[in-house]
Amino acid sequence: MATKEAAIAEGKAIADLRETELWDRGSDALEVMAAGNAGSDFVQRRLKELRATDEQFRNAIPDAEVTRAKLDPSLGLAQLVAMAMQAYADRPAVGQRATQLVHDPRTGRTSRELLDHYESFTYADIWERARALAAMWHRDEKRSLRAYDKLCVMAFAGVDFTIADLAATHNGTVVVPIQTNGALSTLQGIVQEVEPRWMAVSLENLNTAVELVLTAHRPAGLLLFDYHPEVDSERETLEAASARLREAGLDDLIVTIDDAYRIGRTVDPAPLFAEEDTHKKLCTIYYTSGSTGLPKGVMWPEMMLKPMWRMHSEIPFC
């Protein structure tokens, strides 16, 4: 049996070897940290080198003043988010694969084609859109989405999903993501339990969302994103979904995210949600998969999410 000293020596040798491999590959600091404790001296040397030689790394390092300001215990989640969005306004925040429209002269149809690069959006870009969406939701007297209302979201992560989530946080809305691959009966049970004021879905989940509206719960509105009206197949999907809702007397239920921006930019801005002591305020409900029974909703108060926004690191992180 190996002695304690031998085990420690073996572990140090593995760490030293791993450190050499990382350095030889020119690994960035995130990979070094993820690899484990390869030695704090090495990490500091690597950070120093990246600050001196990598402009993107240097420009992405968290601002010390902003980091200190975020530690104010009186700030709620919406204030923390707004602070980060405004303080880092000019920095890239999110990215997505660039696309272009392709017209087929034989069929006369237009489709979308992925390109070999990405396009990025700054914090200012996405915050402006989030505030416009928040204003549309807040100022619509007939179907407003405000503090403590619930928003069910059905989509894969993406830029539009992020903006919808930020807008909900801005208004103090409770966000409830639901599985995109769940059985219809499972999703019906979740929606009936939550009774969301609004639903937000990507185009690929629109048909499922319409089925839920018709068979489980009728929200005040349905926000559609990841939608490109220039693409024939996408426009046809929306037209078919709208026709089904029209037959049920829900003509104006669907609002595209671009239309929401246009409306939100013409009305007064929504007030940023603020209350005293929001530590225990409910902000998110995550449902389990239901693989061992009925899905269960796990309630997350602000105290669970605020530490993520207050996180400090010398290394840029998302």
C-alpha atoms as a PDB file:
ATOM      1  CA  MET A   1       0.000   0.000   0.000  1.00  0.00           C
ATOM      2  CA  ALA A   2       1.352   3.414  -0.966  1.00  0.00           C
ATOM      3  CA  THR A   3       2.304   5.677   1.905  1.00  0.00           C
ATOM      4  CA  LYS A   4       0.747   9.095   2.352  1.00  0.00           C
ATOM      5  CA  GLU A   5       4.066  10.729   1.391  1.00  0.00           C
ATOM      6  CA  ALA A   6       4.296   8.661  -1.802  1.00  0.00           C
ATOM      7  CA  ALA A   7       0.752   9.551  -2.790  1.00  0.00           C
ATOM      8  CA  ILE A   8       1.476  13.259  -2.285  1.00  0.00           C
ATOM      9  CA  ALA A   9       4.665  13.004  -4.339  1.00  0.00           C
ATOM     10  CA  GLU A  10       2.849  11.216  -7.140  1.00  0.00           C
ATOM     11  CA  GLY A  11       0.106  13.850  -7.150  1.00  0.00           C
ATOM     12  CA  LYS A  12       2.679  16.657  -7.322  1.00  0.00           C
ATOM     13  CA  ALA A  13       4.422  14.967 -10.245  1.00  0.00           C
ATOM     14  CA  ILE A  14       1.131  14.676 -12.133  1.00  0.00           C
ATOM     15  CA  ALA A  15       0.354  18.338 -11.415  1.00  0.00           C
ATOM     16  CA  ASP A  16       3.807  19.414 -12.621  1.00  0.00           C
ATOM     17  CA  LEU A  17       3.370  17.388 -15.820  1.00  0.00           C
ATOM     18  CA  ARG A  18      -0.058  18.831 -16.399  1.00  0.00           C
ATOM     19  CA  GLU A  19       1.325  22.350 -15.877  1.00  0.00           C
ATOM     20  CA  THR A  20       3.985  21.751 -18.520  1.00  0.00           C
ATOM     21  CA  GLU A  21       1.420  20.393 -20.988  1.00  0.00           C
ATOM     22  CA  LEU A  22      -0.846  23.394 -20.501  1.00  0.00           C
ATOM     23  CA  TRP A  23       2.005  25.846 -20.927  1.00  0.00           C
ATOM     24  CA  ASP A  24       3.287  24.117 -24.061  1.00  0.00           C
ATOM     25  CA  ARG A  25      -0.153  24.253 -25.645  1.00  0.00           C
ATOM     26  CA  GLY A  26      -0.464  27.967 -24.872  1.00  0.00           C
ATOM     27  CA  SER A  27      -3.608  27.258 -22.888  1.00  0.00           C
ATOM     28  CA  ASP A  28      -5.538  30.260 -21.653  1.00  0.00           C
ATOM     29  CA  ALA A  29      -6.046  30.908 -17.961  1.00  0.00           C
ATOM     30  CA  LEU A  30      -9.548  29.449 -17.906  1.00  0.00           C
ATOM     31  CA  GLU A  31      -8.240  26.067 -18.981  1.00  0.00           C
ATOM     32  CA  VAL A  32      -5.460  26.260 -16.421  1.00  0.00           C
ATOM     33  CA  MET A  33      -7.938  26.900 -13.636  1.00  0.00           C
ATOM     34  CA  ALA A  34     -10.252  24.169 -14.874  1.00  0.00           C
ATOM     35  CA  ALA A  35      -7.386  21.696 -14.851  1.00  0.00           C
ATOM     36  CA  GLY A  36      -7.131  21.928 -11.108  1.00  0.00           C
ATOM     37  CA  ASN A  37      -4.499  23.153  -8.712  1.00  0.00           C
ATOM     38  CA  ALA A  38      -1.494  23.240 -11.000  1.00  0.00           C
ATOM     39  CA  GLY A  39       0.209  25.757  -8.736  1.00  0.00           C
ATOM     40  CA  SER A  40      -0.759  29.318  -7.886  1.00  0.00           C
ATOM     41  CA  ASP A  41       2.613  30.669  -9.021  1.00  0.00           C
ATOM     42  CA  PHE A  42       2.063  29.241 -12.490  1.00  0.00           C
ATOM     43  CA  VAL A  43      -1.451  30.698 -12.685  1.00  0.00           C
ATOM     44  CA  GLN A  44      -0.196  34.140 -11.675  1.00  0.00           C
ATOM     45  CA  ARG A  45       2.630  33.984 -14.243  1.00  0.00           C
ATOM     46  CA  ARG A  46       0.157  33.006 -16.946  1.00  0.00           C
ATOM     47  CA  LEU A  47      -2.277  35.765 -15.984  1.00  0.00           C
ATOM     48  CA  LYS A  48       0.536  38.308 -16.096  1.00  0.00           C
ATOM     49  CA  GLU A  49       1.561  37.122 -19.551  1.00  0.00           C
ATOM     50  CA  LEU A  50      -1.997  37.261 -20.895  1.00  0.00           C
ATOM     51  CA  ARG A  51      -2.529  40.773 -19.546  1.00  0.00           C
ATOM     52  CA  ALA A  52       0.618  41.901 -21.328  1.00  0.00           C
ATOM     53  CA  THR A  53       0.120  40.125 -24.658  1.00  0.00           C
ATOM     54  CA  ASP A  54      -3.595  39.471 -25.216  1.00  0.00           C
ATOM     55  CA  GLU A  55      -5.708  42.586 -25.795  1.00  0.00           C
ATOM     56  CA  GLN A  56      -9.016  40.717 -25.764  1.00  0.00           C
ATOM     57  CA  PHE A  57      -8.149  39.087 -22.445  1.00  0.00           C
ATOM     58  CA  ARG A  58      -7.029  42.409 -20.987  1.00  0.00           C
ATOM     59  CA  ASN A  59     -10.196  44.199 -22.098  1.00  0.00           C
ATOM     60  CA  ALA A  60     -12.406  41.471 -20.612  1.00  0.00           C
ATOM     61  CA  ILE A  61     -10.972  41.570 -17.087  1.00  0.00           C
ATOM     62  CA  PRO A  62     -13.671  42.620 -14.578  1.00  0.00           C
ATOM     63  CA  ASP A  63     -13.529  46.242 -13.426  1.00  0.00           C
ATOM     64  CA  ALA A  64     -12.471  46.445  -9.760  1.00  0.00           C
ATOM     65  CA  GLU A  65     -14.811  49.349  -8.973  1.00  0.00           C
ATOM     66  CA  VAL A  66     -17.790  47.527 -10.470  1.00  0.00           C
ATOM     67  CA  THR A  67     -16.874  44.391  -8.541  1.00  0.00           C
ATOM     68  CA  ARG A  68     -16.829  46.335  -5.276  1.00  0.00           C
ATOM     69  CA  ALA A  69     -20.098  48.114  -6.085  1.00  0.00           C
ATOM     70  CA  LYS A  70     -21.862  44.802  -6.735  1.00  0.00           C
ATOM     71  CA  LEU A  71     -21.118  43.696  -3.174  1.00  0.00           C
ATOM     72  CA  ASP A  72     -23.622  46.217  -1.784  1.00  0.00           C
ATOM     73  CA  PRO A  73     -26.047  43.940   0.145  1.00  0.00           C
ATOM     74  CA  SER A  74     -28.970  46.286  -0.457  1.00  0.00           C
ATOM     75  CA  LEU A  75     -28.966  45.642  -4.207  1.00  0.00           C
ATOM     76  CA  GLY A  76     -31.595  43.319  -5.623  1.00  0.00           C
ATOM     77  CA  LEU A  77     -31.067  41.051  -8.603  1.00  0.00           C
ATOM     78  CA  ALA A  78     -32.482  43.557 -11.105  1.00  0.00           C
ATOM     79  CA  GLN A  79     -30.122  46.270  -9.803  1.00  0.00           C
ATOM     80  CA  LEU A  80     -27.127  43.934 -10.051  1.00  0.00           C
ATOM     81  CA  VAL A  81     -28.003  43.001 -13.614  1.00  0.00           C
ATOM     82  CA  ALA A  82     -28.563  46.633 -14.633  1.00  0.00           C
ATOM     83  CA  MET A  83     -25.242  47.643 -13.076  1.00  0.00           C
ATOM     84  CA  ALA A  84     -23.328  44.989 -14.999  1.00  0.00           C
ATOM     85  CA  MET A  85     -25.082  45.795 -18.280  1.00  0.00           C
ATOM     86  CA  GLN A  86     -24.362  49.505 -17.995  1.00  0.00           C
ATOM     87  CA  ALA A  87     -20.827  49.251 -16.604  1.00  0.00           C
ATOM     88  CA  TYR A  88     -19.675  46.881 -19.347  1.00  0.00           C
ATOM     89  CA  ALA A  89     -21.810  48.450 -22.080  1.00  0.00           C
ATOM     90  CA  ASP A  90     -19.107  48.479 -24.778  1.00  0.00           C
ATOM     91  CA  ARG A  91     -17.864  44.944 -24.155  1.00  0.00           C
ATOM     92  CA  PRO A  92     -19.006  41.925 -26.188  1.00  0.00           C
ATOM     93  CA  ALA A  93     -21.626  39.999 -24.224  1.00  0.00           C
ATOM     94  CA  VAL A  94     -23.051  37.225 -26.406  1.00  0.00           C
ATOM     95  CA  GLY A  95     -22.462  35.793 -29.848  1.00  0.00           C
ATOM     96  CA  GLN A  96     -24.192  33.636 -32.382  1.00  0.00           C
ATOM     97  CA  ARG A  97     -23.414  32.013 -35.692  1.00  0.00           C
ATOM     98  CA  ALA A  98     -23.781  34.491 -38.547  1.00  0.00           C
ATOM     99  CA  THR A  99     -26.254  33.657 -41.326  1.00  0.00           C
ATOM    100  CA  GLN A 100     -27.283  34.914 -44.730  1.00  0.00           C
ATOM    101  CA  LEU A 101     -30.462  34.669 -46.761  1.00  0.00           C
ATOM    102  CA  VAL A 102     -30.305  32.413 -49.810  1.00  0.00           C
ATOM    103  CA  HIS A 103     -32.823  32.713 -52.657  1.00  0.00           C
ATOM    104  CA  ASP A 104     -33.431  29.621 -54.791  1.00  0.00           C
ATOM    105  CA  PRO A 105     -34.280  30.843 -58.313  1.00  0.00           C
ATOM    106  CA  ARG A 106     -35.693  27.440 -59.227  1.00  0.00           C
ATOM    107  CA  THR A 107     -38.319  27.306 -56.461  1.00  0.00           C
ATOM    108  CA  GLY A 108     -38.518  31.008 -55.689  1.00  0.00           C
ATOM    109  CA  ARG A 109     -38.122  30.271 -51.976  1.00  0.00           C
ATOM    110  CA  THR A 110     -35.786  31.909 -49.475  1.00  0.00           C
ATOM    111  CA  SER A 111     -33.899  30.033 -46.790  1.00  0.00           C
ATOM    112  CA  ARG A 112     -31.212  30.826 -44.248  1.00  0.00           C
ATOM    113  CA  GLU A 113     -27.632  29.560 -44.502  1.00  0.00           C
ATOM    114  CA  LEU A 114     -25.054  29.360 -41.718  1.00  0.00           C
ATOM    115  CA  LEU A 115     -21.773  31.173 -42.330  1.00  0.00           C
ATOM    116  CA  ASP A 116     -18.302  30.300 -41.080  1.00  0.00           C
ATOM    117  CA  HIS A 117     -18.053  33.059 -38.474  1.00  0.00           C
ATOM    118  CA  TYR A 118     -19.867  34.523 -35.505  1.00  0.00           C
ATOM    119  CA  GLU A 119     -21.483  37.886 -34.839  1.00  0.00           C
ATOM    120  CA  SER A 120     -21.341  39.405 -31.383  1.00  0.00           C
ATOM    121  CA  PHE A 121     -23.560  41.784 -29.423  1.00  0.00           C
ATOM    122  CA  THR A 122     -22.385  44.133 -26.703  1.00  0.00           C
ATOM    123  CA  TYR A 123     -23.929  44.433 -23.269  1.00  0.00           C
ATOM    124  CA  ALA A 124     -25.428  47.737 -24.464  1.00  0.00           C
ATOM    125  CA  ASP A 125     -27.007  45.993 -27.471  1.00  0.00           C
ATOM    126  CA  ILE A 126     -28.780  43.318 -25.489  1.00  0.00           C
ATOM    127  CA  TRP A 127     -29.709  45.606 -22.596  1.00  0.00           C
ATOM    128  CA  GLU A 128     -31.359  48.103 -24.959  1.00  0.00           C
ATOM    129  CA  ARG A 129     -33.448  45.301 -26.445  1.00  0.00           C
ATOM    130  CA  ALA A 130     -34.229  43.851 -23.021  1.00  0.00           C
ATOM    131  CA  ARG A 131     -35.428  47.252 -21.778  1.00  0.00           C
ATOM    132  CA  ALA A 132     -37.598  47.711 -24.880  1.00  0.00           C
ATOM    133  CA  LEU A 133     -39.180  44.287 -24.323  1.00  0.00           C
ATOM    134  CA  ALA A 134     -39.616  45.058 -20.618  1.00  0.00           C
ATOM    135  CA  ALA A 135     -41.382  48.322 -21.512  1.00  0.00           C
ATOM    136  CA  MET A 136     -43.752  46.585 -23.926  1.00  0.00           C
ATOM    137  CA  TRP A 137     -44.637  44.047 -21.245  1.00  0.00           C
ATOM    138  CA  HIS A 138     -45.006  46.584 -18.447  1.00  0.00           C
ATOM    139  CA  ARG A 139     -47.014  49.219 -20.348  1.00  0.00           C
ATOM    140  CA  ASP A 140     -49.561  46.886 -21.957  1.00  0.00           C
ATOM    141  CA  GLU A 141     -52.505  47.399 -19.616  1.00  0.00           C
ATOM    142  CA  LYS A 142     -54.536  44.498 -21.022  1.00  0.00           C
ATOM    143  CA  ARG A 143     -51.805  41.865 -20.863  1.00  0.00           C
ATOM    144  CA  SER A 144     -48.961  43.273 -18.834  1.00  0.00           C
ATOM    145  CA  LEU A 145     -46.086  41.191 -17.479  1.00  0.00           C
ATOM    146  CA  ARG A 146     -44.808  42.689 -14.274  1.00  0.00           C
ATOM    147  CA  ALA A 147     -43.371  41.803 -10.876  1.00  0.00           C
ATOM    148  CA  TYR A 148     -44.341  38.375  -9.530  1.00  0.00           C
ATOM    149  CA  ASP A 149     -46.106  37.386 -12.773  1.00  0.00           C
ATOM    150  CA  LYS A 150     -44.798  34.168 -14.308  1.00  0.00           C
ATOM    151  CA  LEU A 151     -43.192  33.681 -17.712  1.00  0.00           C
ATOM    152  CA  CYS A 152     -42.803  30.173 -19.132  1.00  0.00           C
ATOM    153  CA  VAL A 153     -39.924  29.917 -21.628  1.00  0.00           C
ATOM    154  CA  MET A 154     -39.575  27.051 -24.083  1.00  0.00           C
ATOM    155  CA  ALA A 155     -36.414  27.303 -26.187  1.00  0.00           C
ATOM    156  CA  PHE A 156     -32.757  26.392 -26.396  1.00  0.00           C
ATOM    157  CA  ALA A 157     -30.301  28.967 -25.078  1.00  0.00           C
ATOM    158  CA  GLY A 158     -29.538  31.789 -27.491  1.00  0.00           C
ATOM    159  CA  VAL A 159     -29.404  35.556 -27.873  1.00  0.00           C
ATOM    160  CA  ASP A 160     -33.188  36.040 -27.965  1.00  0.00           C
ATOM    161  CA  PHE A 161     -33.665  33.717 -24.977  1.00  0.00           C
ATOM    162  CA  THR A 162     -31.095  35.771 -23.058  1.00  0.00           C
ATOM    163  CA  ILE A 163     -32.862  39.032 -23.888  1.00  0.00           C
ATOM    164  CA  ALA A 164     -36.251  37.664 -22.810  1.00  0.00           C
ATOM    165  CA  ASP A 165     -34.731  36.454 -19.534  1.00  0.00           C
ATOM    166  CA  LEU A 166     -33.088  39.838 -18.890  1.00  0.00           C
ATOM    167  CA  ALA A 167     -36.348  41.685 -19.635  1.00  0.00           C
ATOM    168  CA  ALA A 168     -38.188  39.469 -17.161  1.00  0.00           C
ATOM    169  CA  THR A 169     -35.526  40.114 -14.520  1.00  0.00           C
ATOM    170  CA  HIS A 170     -35.834  43.849 -15.214  1.00  0.00           C
ATOM    171  CA  ASN A 171     -39.563  43.680 -14.432  1.00  0.00           C
ATOM    172  CA  GLY A 172     -39.263  41.356 -11.428  1.00  0.00           C
ATOM    173  CA  THR A 173     -41.032  38.549 -13.299  1.00  0.00           C
ATOM    174  CA  VAL A 174     -40.653  34.894 -12.263  1.00  0.00           C
ATOM    175  CA  VAL A 175     -39.043  32.917 -15.106  1.00  0.00           C
ATOM    176  CA  VAL A 176     -40.027  29.270 -15.560  1.00  0.00           C
ATOM    177  CA  PRO A 177     -37.996  27.407 -18.215  1.00  0.00           C
ATOM    178  CA  ILE A 178     -39.714  24.235 -19.428  1.00  0.00           C
ATOM    179  CA  GLN A 179     -38.232  21.283 -21.281  1.00  0.00           C
ATOM    180  CA  THR A 180     -38.231  21.502 -25.059  1.00  0.00           C
ATOM    181  CA  ASN A 181     -38.235  17.715 -25.373  1.00  0.00           C
ATOM    182  CA  GLY A 182     -40.796  16.887 -22.707  1.00  0.00           C
ATOM    183  CA  ALA A 183     -43.875  14.808 -23.441  1.00  0.00           C
ATOM    184  CA  LEU A 184     -46.947  16.889 -24.157  1.00  0.00           C
ATOM    185  CA  SER A 185     -48.779  15.477 -21.127  1.00  0.00           C
ATOM    186  CA  THR A 186     -45.824  16.444 -18.911  1.00  0.00           C
ATOM    187  CA  LEU A 187     -45.704  19.974 -20.290  1.00  0.00           C
ATOM    188  CA  GLN A 188     -49.462  20.331 -19.907  1.00  0.00           C
ATOM    189  CA  GLY A 189     -49.157  19.493 -16.220  1.00  0.00           C
ATOM    190  CA  ILE A 190     -46.398  22.062 -15.703  1.00  0.00           C
ATOM    191  CA  VAL A 191     -48.243  24.843 -17.525  1.00  0.00           C
ATOM    192  CA  GLN A 192     -51.479  24.108 -15.677  1.00  0.00           C
ATOM    193  CA  GLU A 193     -49.635  24.276 -12.375  1.00  0.00           C
ATOM    194  CA  VAL A 194     -47.701  27.469 -13.169  1.00  0.00           C
ATOM    195  CA  GLU A 195     -50.482  29.329 -15.015  1.00  0.00           C
ATOM    196  CA  PRO A 196     -48.027  31.707 -16.699  1.00  0.00           C
ATOM    197  CA  ARG A 197     -49.087  35.231 -17.552  1.00  0.00           C
ATOM    198  CA  TRP A 198     -47.009  34.984 -20.748  1.00  0.00           C
ATOM    199  CA  MET A 199     -45.167  32.290 -22.654  1.00  0.00           C
ATOM    200  CA  ALA A 200     -41.990  32.886 -24.680  1.00  0.00           C
ATOM    201  CA  VAL A 201     -40.963  30.330 -27.290  1.00  0.00           C
ATOM    202  CA  SER A 202     -38.570  29.893 -30.182  1.00  0.00           C
ATOM    203  CA  LEU A 203     -39.986  29.152 -33.615  1.00  0.00           C
ATOM    204  CA  GLU A 204     -39.058  25.477 -33.457  1.00  0.00           C
ATOM    205  CA  ASN A 205     -41.211  25.095 -30.330  1.00  0.00           C
ATOM    206  CA  LEU A 206     -44.138  27.177 -31.571  1.00  0.00           C
ATOM    207  CA  ASN A 207     -46.384  24.244 -32.507  1.00  0.00           C
ATOM    208  CA  THR A 208     -45.956  22.685 -29.060  1.00  0.00           C
ATOM    209  CA  ALA A 209     -46.665  26.038 -27.424  1.00  0.00           C
ATOM    210  CA  VAL A 210     -49.878  26.450 -29.432  1.00  0.00           C
ATOM    211  CA  GLU A 211     -50.963  22.970 -28.349  1.00  0.00           C
ATOM    212  CA  LEU A 212     -50.362  23.929 -24.725  1.00  0.00           C
ATOM    213  CA  VAL A 213     -52.368  27.132 -25.161  1.00  0.00           C
ATOM    214  CA  LEU A 214     -55.296  25.228 -26.644  1.00  0.00           C
ATOM    215  CA  THR A 215     -55.271  22.277 -24.237  1.00  0.00           C
ATOM    216  CA  ALA A 216     -53.726  23.423 -20.949  1.00  0.00           C
ATOM    217  CA  HIS A 217     -53.603  27.143 -20.195  1.00  0.00           C
ATOM    218  CA  ARG A 218     -54.317  30.333 -22.120  1.00  0.00           C
ATOM    219  CA  PRO A 219     -51.769  33.038 -21.300  1.00  0.00           C
ATOM    220  CA  ALA A 220     -52.240  36.737 -21.975  1.00  0.00           C
ATOM    221  CA  GLY A 221     -49.580  36.651 -24.668  1.00  0.00           C
ATOM    222  CA  LEU A 222     -47.101  34.442 -26.484  1.00  0.00           C
ATOM    223  CA  LEU A 223     -43.726  35.954 -27.383  1.00  0.00           C
ATOM    224  CA  LEU A 224     -42.118  34.410 -30.471  1.00  0.00           C
ATOM    225  CA  PHE A 225     -38.364  34.672 -31.023  1.00  0.00           C
ATOM    226  CA  ASP A 226     -35.678  33.111 -33.228  1.00  0.00           C
ATOM    227  CA  TYR A 227     -38.020  33.995 -36.082  1.00  0.00           C
ATOM    228  CA  HIS A 228     -37.027  35.400 -39.480  1.00  0.00           C
ATOM    229  CA  PRO A 229     -40.012  36.508 -41.592  1.00  0.00           C
ATOM    230  CA  GLU A 230     -37.918  36.612 -44.779  1.00  0.00           C
ATOM    231  CA  VAL A 231     -37.546  32.805 -44.638  1.00  0.00           C
ATOM    232  CA  ASP A 232     -40.514  31.150 -46.343  1.00  0.00           C
ATOM    233  CA  SER A 233     -40.661  28.038 -44.163  1.00  0.00           C
ATOM    234  CA  GLU A 234     -40.519  30.085 -40.954  1.00  0.00           C
ATOM    235  CA  ARG A 235     -43.223  32.470 -42.128  1.00  0.00           C
ATOM    236  CA  GLU A 236     -45.431  29.515 -43.076  1.00  0.00           C
ATOM    237  CA  THR A 237     -44.950  27.985 -39.618  1.00  0.00           C
ATOM    238  CA  LEU A 238     -46.119  31.209 -37.981  1.00  0.00           C
ATOM    239  CA  GLU A 239     -49.079  31.540 -40.355  1.00  0.00           C
ATOM    240  CA  ALA A 240     -50.238  27.984 -39.596  1.00  0.00           C
ATOM    241  CA  ALA A 241     -49.920  28.532 -35.837  1.00  0.00           C
ATOM    242  CA  SER A 242     -51.769  31.849 -36.060  1.00  0.00           C
ATOM    243  CA  ALA A 243     -54.580  30.192 -38.011  1.00  0.00           C
ATOM    244  CA  ARG A 244     -55.060  27.582 -35.268  1.00  0.00           C
ATOM    245  CA  LEU A 245     -55.205  30.271 -32.602  1.00  0.00           C
ATOM    246  CA  ARG A 246     -57.560  32.378 -34.705  1.00  0.00           C
ATOM    247  CA  GLU A 247     -60.021  29.495 -34.842  1.00  0.00           C
ATOM    248  CA  ALA A 248     -59.984  29.494 -31.031  1.00  0.00           C
ATOM    249  CA  GLY A 249     -60.631  33.243 -30.868  1.00  0.00           C
ATOM    250  CA  LEU A 250     -57.020  34.148 -30.019  1.00  0.00           C
ATOM    251  CA  ASP A 251     -56.171  36.309 -33.012  1.00  0.00           C
ATOM    252  CA  ASP A 252     -53.569  38.574 -31.422  1.00  0.00           C
ATOM    253  CA  LEU A 253     -51.954  36.203 -28.927  1.00  0.00           C
ATOM    254  CA  ILE A 254     -48.594  35.914 -30.738  1.00  0.00           C
ATOM    255  CA  VAL A 255     -46.175  38.849 -30.637  1.00  0.00           C
ATOM    256  CA  THR A 256     -42.823  38.496 -32.393  1.00  0.00           C
ATOM    257  CA  ILE A 257     -39.839  39.779 -30.461  1.00  0.00           C
ATOM    258  CA  ASP A 258     -39.070  42.347 -33.184  1.00  0.00           C
ATOM    259  CA  ASP A 259     -42.609  43.716 -32.923  1.00  0.00           C
ATOM    260  CA  ALA A 260     -42.208  43.812 -29.147  1.00  0.00           C
ATOM    261  CA  TYR A 261     -39.045  45.912 -29.524  1.00  0.00           C
ATOM    262  CA  ARG A 262     -40.825  48.350 -31.833  1.00  0.00           C
ATOM    263  CA  ILE A 263     -43.713  48.764 -29.392  1.00  0.00           C
ATOM    264  CA  GLY A 264     -41.421  49.060 -26.377  1.00  0.00           C
ATOM    265  CA  ARG A 265     -39.357  51.810 -27.991  1.00  0.00           C
ATOM    266  CA  THR A 266     -42.452  53.989 -28.436  1.00  0.00           C
ATOM    267  CA  VAL A 267     -43.724  53.871 -24.838  1.00  0.00           C
ATOM    268  CA  ASP A 268     -42.326  55.079 -21.536  1.00  0.00           C
ATOM    269  CA  PRO A 269     -39.548  52.857 -20.153  1.00  0.00           C
ATOM    270  CA  ALA A 270     -40.548  50.277 -17.574  1.00  0.00           C
ATOM    271  CA  PRO A 271     -39.342  50.978 -14.026  1.00  0.00           C
ATOM    272  CA  LEU A 272     -36.503  48.735 -12.918  1.00  0.00           C
ATOM    273  CA  PHE A 273     -37.917  46.354 -10.315  1.00  0.00           C
ATOM    274  CA  ALA A 274     -36.866  47.394  -6.817  1.00  0.00           C
ATOM    275  CA  GLU A 275     -38.097  46.424  -3.368  1.00  0.00           C
ATOM    276  CA  GLU A 276     -36.489  46.341   0.036  1.00  0.00           C
ATOM    277  CA  ASP A 277     -34.951  43.019   1.021  1.00  0.00           C
ATOM    278  CA  THR A 278     -35.533  40.858  -2.059  1.00  0.00           C
ATOM    279  CA  HIS A 279     -33.291  38.127  -0.669  1.00  0.00           C
ATOM    280  CA  LYS A 280     -36.142  35.602  -0.565  1.00  0.00           C
ATOM    281  CA  LYS A 281     -38.102  36.898  -3.551  1.00  0.00           C
ATOM    282  CA  LEU A 282     -38.910  34.108  -5.994  1.00  0.00           C
ATOM    283  CA  CYS A 283     -37.232  34.709  -9.344  1.00  0.00           C
ATOM    284  CA  THR A 284     -37.023  31.304 -11.069  1.00  0.00           C
ATOM    285  CA  ILE A 285     -38.705  27.901 -10.962  1.00  0.00           C
ATOM    286  CA  TYR A 286     -36.818  24.988 -12.477  1.00  0.00           C
ATOM    287  CA  TYR A 287     -38.752  21.807 -13.161  1.00  0.00           C
ATOM    288  CA  THR A 288     -37.107  18.408 -12.899  1.00  0.00           C
ATOM    289  CA  SER A 289     -37.254  16.054 -15.877  1.00  0.00           C
ATOM    290  CA  GLY A 290     -39.841  13.797 -14.265  1.00  0.00           C
ATOM    291  CA  SER A 291     -37.780  10.694 -14.985  1.00  0.00           C
ATOM    292  CA  THR A 292     -38.582   9.313 -11.512  1.00  0.00           C
ATOM    293  CA  GLY A 293     -42.146  10.566 -11.304  1.00  0.00           C
ATOM    294  CA  LEU A 294     -44.040  13.776 -11.910  1.00  0.00           C
ATOM    295  CA  PRO A 295     -41.797  16.819 -12.556  1.00  0.00           C
ATOM    296  CA  LYS A 296     -41.209  18.888  -9.451  1.00  0.00           C
ATOM    297  CA  GLY A 297     -40.733  22.641  -9.445  1.00  0.00           C
ATOM    298  CA  VAL A 298     -37.609  23.807  -7.635  1.00  0.00           C
ATOM    299  CA  MET A 299     -38.034  27.400  -6.469  1.00  0.00           C
ATOM    300  CA  TRP A 300     -34.997  29.671  -6.634  1.00  0.00           C
ATOM    301  CA  PRO A 301     -35.124  32.938  -4.672  1.00  0.00           C
ATOM    302  CA  GLU A 302     -32.808  35.831  -5.439  1.00  0.00           C
ATOM    303  CA  MET A 303     -30.361  34.687  -2.765  1.00  0.00           C
ATOM    304  CA  MET A 304     -29.503  31.751  -5.064  1.00  0.00           C
ATOM    305  CA  LEU A 305     -28.809  33.866  -8.151  1.00  0.00           C
ATOM    306  CA  LYS A 306     -27.240  37.050  -6.809  1.00  0.00           C
ATOM    307  CA  PRO A 307     -23.914  35.349  -5.895  1.00  0.00           C
ATOM    308  CA  MET A 308     -23.446  34.462  -9.579  1.00  0.00           C
ATOM    309  CA  TRP A 309     -23.682  38.133 -10.530  1.00  0.00           C
ATOM    310  CA  ARG A 310     -21.387  39.125  -7.654  1.00  0.00           C
ATOM    311  CA  MET A 311     -18.741  36.577  -8.525  1.00  0.00           C
ATOM    312  CA  HIS A 312     -15.225  38.006  -8.697  1.00  0.00           C
ATOM    313  CA  SER A 313     -12.291  36.594 -10.575  1.00  0.00           C
ATOM    314  CA  GLU A 314      -9.064  37.911 -12.074  1.00  0.00           C
ATOM    315  CA  ILE A 315      -9.969  35.774 -15.078  1.00  0.00           C
ATOM    316  CA  PRO A 316     -12.670  36.937 -17.515  1.00  0.00           C
ATOM    317  CA  PHE A 317     -15.725  34.753 -17.253  1.00  0.00           C
ATOM    318  CA  CYS A 318     -19.237  34.652 -18.685  1.00  0.00           C
END
